[in-house]
Amino acid sequence: MPSSLVQFENVSFAYGERSVLADVSLSIKRGQVVAIMGGSGSGKTTLLKLIGGQIRPDQGKLSVAGDDVGSMNESRLYTMRQKLGMLFQFGALFTDLSVFDNVAFPLRERSNLPESMIHDLVLMKLNAVGLRGVSEQMPSELSGGMARRVALARAIALDPNVMLYDEPFTGLDPISLATIGKLIRDLNDALGTASVIVTHDVEESLSIVDYVYFLADGKIVAEGTPEQVRASTHPFVKQFINGETDGPVAFHKPAAPYAADLGLEQRLA
């Protein structure tokens, strides 16, 4: 297994005529937690879809655990995805399955393990996220933070090489947010995975990640360690980190002159 578990080399992708990613190169190594930050529509979720093989690069090369995702057929993609774990934005638990059966689902679907071993593995994963005591409850009986932790237990059920997180902190209270952040860091270190976090949450992310890439208009405009990011004078990074309303990402979208839109020029003529 290569040290770089996710490697983008000059990757470009477009939906029809609309360019989403342009000449993106990045590397995520084993044991790293890496954040992908940027405004809405910057290409962050598209990047996750490329890693999972839902879409293929138009140009460039993308490899996961040393395998070229762009050249895989459906069978090889299915095998490759067994190396991935995914925590969806709001957990995406199966509402009609218990907590235990949610975590057991990937083990039953993708392995031939006996039920006795699946039982022990499920309790092990739930114990890792502090929720072994709710194994028989239904998702509707859980708080938002607890549901997110169950979803994380399900995501690590097969001990993935690469973990993908799509906005894992959205909608959580401060305690749940800190808990999820700590679990992401601790589980990454325990499993030796590479973790990719798409997020808008600056403070929590910078406290747990090893490296940050900033996307804007489909391009990586800045990158660095948390310390480098906090000290950066790059205009986009400063605007994003400080939550400033105007800057490289302008408050006003391009438009005709205001007076012309109001018809003032004709009125004054």
Protein backbone atom coordinates (compact mmCIF):
# COMPACT_ATOMS: atom_id res chain seq x y z
CA MET A 1 0.00 0.00 0.00
CA PRO A 2 1.53 3.37 -1.00
CA SER A 3 2.14 6.11 1.56
CA SER A 4 -0.12 8.49 -0.39
CA LEU A 5 -3.53 6.87 -0.21
CA VAL A 6 -5.25 9.61 -2.24
CA GLN A 7 -3.41 11.31 -5.10
CA PHE A 8 -4.81 13.91 -7.51
CA GLU A 9 -2.52 14.76 -10.43
CA ASN A 10 -3.70 17.71 -12.56
CA VAL A 11 -7.32 16.58 -12.34
CA SER A 12 -10.03 18.54 -14.17
CA PHE A 13 -13.76 17.86 -14.27
CA ALA A 14 -16.79 19.59 -15.74
CA TYR A 15 -20.54 19.02 -15.75
CA GLY A 16 -21.19 19.63 -19.43
CA GLU A 17 -19.87 23.10 -20.23
CA ARG A 18 -19.56 24.11 -16.57
CA SER A 19 -16.04 23.59 -15.24
CA VAL A 20 -16.02 22.45 -11.60
CA LEU A 21 -12.39 21.42 -10.98
CA ALA A 22 -9.43 22.70 -12.94
CA ASP A 23 -5.92 21.21 -12.77
CA VAL A 24 -6.22 20.07 -9.14
CA SER A 25 -3.19 18.34 -7.60
CA LEU A 26 -3.11 17.16 -3.99
CA SER A 27 -1.83 14.29 -1.91
CA ILE A 28 -3.18 12.70 1.27
CA LYS A 29 -0.88 10.30 3.08
CA ARG A 30 -1.55 7.44 5.43
CA GLY A 31 -2.22 8.75 8.94
CA GLN A 32 -3.12 12.26 7.76
CA VAL A 33 -6.34 14.13 8.44
CA VAL A 34 -6.75 16.67 5.63
CA ALA A 35 -9.45 19.34 5.34
CA ILE A 36 -10.82 20.61 2.04
CA MET A 37 -12.24 24.09 2.58
CA GLY A 38 -13.90 26.60 0.31
CA GLY A 39 -17.14 28.39 -0.36
CA SER A 40 -20.34 26.78 -1.61
CA GLY A 41 -19.98 25.63 -5.20
CA SER A 42 -16.19 25.58 -5.11
CA GLY A 43 -15.96 21.86 -6.02
CA LYS A 44 -15.50 20.21 -2.61
CA THR A 45 -18.27 17.62 -2.90
CA THR A 46 -17.27 16.89 -6.50
CA LEU A 47 -13.83 16.03 -5.19
CA LEU A 48 -15.36 13.43 -2.84
CA LYS A 49 -17.42 11.98 -5.70
CA LEU A 50 -14.27 11.59 -7.77
CA ILE A 51 -12.52 9.72 -4.96
CA GLY A 52 -15.47 7.34 -4.67
CA GLY A 53 -15.62 6.78 -8.42
CA GLN A 54 -19.15 8.16 -8.80
CA ILE A 55 -17.73 10.38 -11.53
CA ARG A 56 -14.48 10.14 -13.50
CA PRO A 57 -11.87 12.85 -14.20
CA ASP A 58 -12.06 14.51 -17.60
CA GLN A 59 -8.30 15.09 -17.46
CA GLY A 60 -5.48 14.08 -15.14
CA LYS A 61 -5.09 11.05 -12.91
CA LEU A 62 -6.68 10.13 -9.59
CA SER A 63 -5.42 7.17 -7.59
CA VAL A 64 -6.78 5.66 -4.36
CA ALA A 65 -4.53 3.25 -2.48
CA GLY A 66 -2.33 3.09 -5.59
CA ASP A 67 -5.13 2.22 -8.03
CA ASP A 68 -6.14 4.48 -10.93
CA VAL A 69 -9.83 5.22 -10.28
CA GLY A 70 -10.42 6.66 -13.74
CA SER A 71 -9.54 3.37 -15.50
CA MET A 72 -11.61 1.03 -13.32
CA ASN A 73 -14.58 -0.98 -14.54
CA GLU A 74 -17.62 -1.52 -12.32
CA SER A 75 -16.25 -4.67 -10.69
CA ARG A 76 -12.94 -3.03 -9.75
CA LEU A 77 -14.75 0.05 -8.49
CA TYR A 78 -16.84 -2.13 -6.17
CA THR A 79 -13.66 -3.72 -4.81
CA MET A 80 -11.94 -0.34 -4.42
CA ARG A 81 -14.91 1.09 -2.50
CA GLN A 82 -14.40 -1.55 0.17
CA LYS A 83 -11.29 0.45 1.06
CA LEU A 84 -13.40 3.57 1.64
CA GLY A 85 -15.51 4.69 4.56
CA MET A 86 -18.02 7.53 4.20
CA LEU A 87 -19.67 9.70 6.84
CA PHE A 88 -22.52 11.55 5.16
CA GLN A 89 -23.50 15.07 6.17
CA PHE A 90 -26.45 14.04 8.34
CA GLY A 91 -25.46 10.43 9.00
CA ALA A 92 -27.89 8.80 6.52
CA LEU A 93 -28.78 5.95 8.87
CA PHE A 94 -31.34 3.40 7.71
CA THR A 95 -34.40 4.53 9.64
CA ASP A 96 -36.05 1.08 9.76
CA LEU A 97 -32.96 -0.69 11.10
CA SER A 98 -31.74 -0.65 14.69
CA VAL A 99 -28.41 0.90 15.63
CA PHE A 100 -26.87 -2.58 15.75
CA ASP A 101 -28.20 -3.52 12.31
CA ASN A 102 -27.07 -0.21 10.80
CA VAL A 103 -23.48 -0.87 11.85
CA ALA A 104 -23.76 -4.56 10.87
CA PHE A 105 -25.06 -3.71 7.39
CA PRO A 106 -21.69 -3.26 5.59
CA LEU A 107 -20.28 -6.34 7.33
CA ARG A 108 -23.21 -8.47 6.19
CA GLU A 109 -23.17 -6.94 2.70
CA ARG A 110 -19.46 -7.11 1.98
CA SER A 111 -18.09 -10.03 4.00
CA ASN A 112 -18.78 -13.68 4.64
CA LEU A 113 -18.17 -13.46 8.37
CA PRO A 114 -20.30 -15.59 10.69
CA GLU A 115 -23.01 -13.74 12.61
CA SER A 116 -21.22 -14.36 15.91
CA MET A 117 -18.17 -12.47 14.66
CA ILE A 118 -20.31 -9.68 13.18
CA HIS A 119 -21.96 -9.33 16.60
CA ASP A 120 -18.60 -8.82 18.29
CA LEU A 121 -17.31 -6.43 15.61
CA VAL A 122 -20.44 -4.27 15.77
CA LEU A 123 -20.17 -3.93 19.54
CA MET A 124 -16.47 -3.13 19.14
CA LYS A 125 -17.20 -0.31 16.67
CA LEU A 126 -20.04 1.06 18.79
CA ASN A 127 -17.79 0.96 21.84
CA ALA A 128 -15.17 2.96 19.91
CA VAL A 129 -17.69 5.81 19.50
CA GLY A 130 -19.06 5.46 23.03
CA LEU A 131 -22.49 4.10 22.06
CA ARG A 132 -22.45 0.37 22.80
CA GLY A 133 -25.30 1.05 25.23
CA VAL A 134 -27.73 2.10 22.48
CA SER A 135 -27.20 -0.86 20.15
CA GLU A 136 -30.86 -1.94 20.26
CA GLN A 137 -32.37 1.53 19.83
CA MET A 138 -33.77 2.90 16.58
CA PRO A 139 -32.32 5.97 14.82
CA SER A 140 -35.48 7.96 15.68
CA GLU A 141 -34.63 7.54 19.37
CA LEU A 142 -31.19 9.16 19.00
CA SER A 143 -30.09 12.76 19.22
CA GLY A 144 -28.42 14.31 16.18
CA GLY A 145 -24.98 13.94 17.71
CA MET A 146 -25.56 10.31 18.66
CA ALA A 147 -26.88 9.50 15.18
CA ARG A 148 -23.71 10.99 13.68
CA ARG A 149 -21.57 8.81 15.96
CA VAL A 150 -23.51 5.68 14.98
CA ALA A 151 -22.99 6.60 11.33
CA LEU A 152 -19.27 6.93 12.06
CA ALA A 153 -19.23 3.47 13.65
CA ARG A 154 -20.88 2.12 10.48
CA ALA A 155 -18.34 3.94 8.29
CA ILE A 156 -15.39 2.27 10.04
CA ALA A 157 -17.00 -1.19 10.21
CA LEU A 158 -14.72 -2.58 7.49
CA ASP A 159 -11.55 -0.81 8.73
CA PRO A 160 -11.21 1.38 5.60
CA ASN A 161 -7.93 2.69 4.25
CA VAL A 162 -9.52 6.06 3.41
CA MET A 163 -12.26 7.90 5.33
CA LEU A 164 -14.38 10.56 3.63
CA TYR A 165 -16.31 13.11 5.68
CA ASP A 166 -18.91 15.36 4.07
CA GLU A 167 -19.56 18.30 6.42
CA PRO A 168 -19.38 16.13 9.58
CA PHE A 169 -19.94 19.07 11.97
CA THR A 170 -23.11 20.50 10.41
CA GLY A 171 -26.00 21.04 12.83
CA LEU A 172 -24.21 19.80 15.96
CA ASP A 173 -24.18 21.45 19.38
CA PRO A 174 -20.75 22.40 20.77
CA ILE A 175 -20.37 19.21 22.84
CA SER A 176 -21.38 16.89 19.99
CA LEU A 177 -19.19 18.84 17.58
CA ALA A 178 -16.14 18.49 19.81
CA THR A 179 -16.93 14.79 20.32
CA ILE A 180 -17.12 14.10 16.57
CA GLY A 181 -13.91 16.06 16.00
CA LYS A 182 -12.06 14.05 18.65
CA LEU A 183 -13.40 10.77 17.25
CA ILE A 184 -12.28 11.67 13.73
CA ARG A 185 -8.75 12.35 14.96
CA ASP A 186 -8.53 9.39 17.36
CA LEU A 187 -10.01 6.84 14.94
CA ASN A 188 -7.75 8.03 12.13
CA ASP A 189 -4.70 7.56 14.33
CA ALA A 190 -5.89 4.17 15.62
CA LEU A 191 -6.73 2.76 12.19
CA GLY A 192 -3.84 4.38 10.30
CA THR A 193 -6.18 5.65 7.62
CA ALA A 194 -6.12 8.77 5.47
CA SER A 195 -9.06 11.06 6.25
CA VAL A 196 -10.53 13.70 3.93
CA ILE A 197 -12.86 16.24 5.55
CA VAL A 198 -14.98 18.57 3.44
CA THR A 199 -16.01 21.29 5.88
CA HIS A 200 -16.85 24.93 6.50
CA ASP A 201 -16.08 24.70 10.22
CA VAL A 202 -12.80 26.55 10.63
CA GLU A 203 -12.09 26.35 14.36
CA GLU A 204 -12.86 22.66 14.93
CA SER A 205 -11.14 21.59 11.72
CA LEU A 206 -7.92 23.47 12.40
CA SER A 207 -7.74 21.85 15.84
CA ILE A 208 -7.69 18.27 14.46
CA VAL A 209 -6.29 18.29 10.91
CA ASP A 210 -2.72 17.99 9.67
CA TYR A 211 -3.14 19.94 6.44
CA VAL A 212 -5.67 22.15 4.66
CA TYR A 213 -6.40 22.75 0.98
CA PHE A 214 -8.50 25.77 -0.02
CA LEU A 215 -10.66 25.49 -3.14
CA ALA A 216 -12.04 28.49 -5.00
CA ASP A 217 -13.56 28.43 -8.48
CA GLY A 218 -12.46 24.81 -8.86
CA LYS A 219 -8.77 25.50 -8.18
CA ILE A 220 -6.54 25.07 -5.16
CA VAL A 221 -5.72 28.66 -4.28
CA ALA A 222 -3.86 27.99 -1.02
CA GLU A 223 -2.71 25.16 1.22
CA GLY A 224 -0.77 24.60 4.40
CA THR A 225 -0.66 23.30 7.96
CA PRO A 226 -3.07 24.77 10.52
CA GLU A 227 -0.29 27.01 11.80
CA GLN A 228 0.49 28.26 8.29
CA VAL A 229 -3.20 28.83 7.59
CA ARG A 230 -3.72 30.90 10.73
CA ALA A 231 -0.69 33.05 9.87
CA SER A 232 -1.49 33.32 6.16
CA THR A 233 -1.74 36.70 4.46
CA HIS A 234 -3.37 35.18 1.37
CA PRO A 235 -6.50 37.29 0.70
CA PHE A 236 -8.86 34.33 0.19
CA VAL A 237 -7.57 32.45 3.25
CA LYS A 238 -7.86 35.56 5.42
CA GLN A 239 -11.42 36.19 4.22
CA PHE A 240 -12.46 32.57 4.78
CA ILE A 241 -10.80 32.13 8.17
CA ASN A 242 -12.11 35.45 9.51
CA GLY A 243 -15.55 35.15 7.92
CA GLU A 244 -15.27 38.52 6.18
CA THR A 245 -18.23 39.46 3.98
CA ASP A 246 -16.19 41.00 1.18
CA GLY A 247 -12.86 40.19 -0.43
CA PRO A 248 -11.78 37.83 -3.21
CA VAL A 249 -15.25 36.31 -2.79
CA ALA A 250 -17.11 39.53 -3.49
CA PHE A 251 -20.31 40.58 -1.71
CA HIS A 252 -21.75 41.88 -4.99
CA LYS A 253 -22.01 39.55 -7.95
CA PRO A 254 -21.08 41.14 -11.30
CA ALA A 255 -24.00 43.14 -12.68
CA ALA A 256 -24.79 46.09 -14.88
CA PRO A 257 -24.23 49.54 -13.31
CA TYR A 258 -26.82 50.10 -10.60
CA ALA A 259 -27.99 53.40 -12.10
CA ALA A 260 -28.53 51.73 -15.47
CA ASP A 261 -30.58 48.92 -13.90
CA LEU A 262 -32.78 51.49 -12.18
CA GLY A 263 -33.19 53.43 -15.41
CA LEU A 264 -31.75 56.58 -13.83
CA GLU A 265 -29.64 57.40 -16.86
CA GLN A 266 -32.73 57.62 -19.07
CA ARG A 267 -34.64 59.62 -16.45
CA LEU A 268 -31.82 62.15 -16.12
CA ALA A 269 -31.20 62.42 -19.87
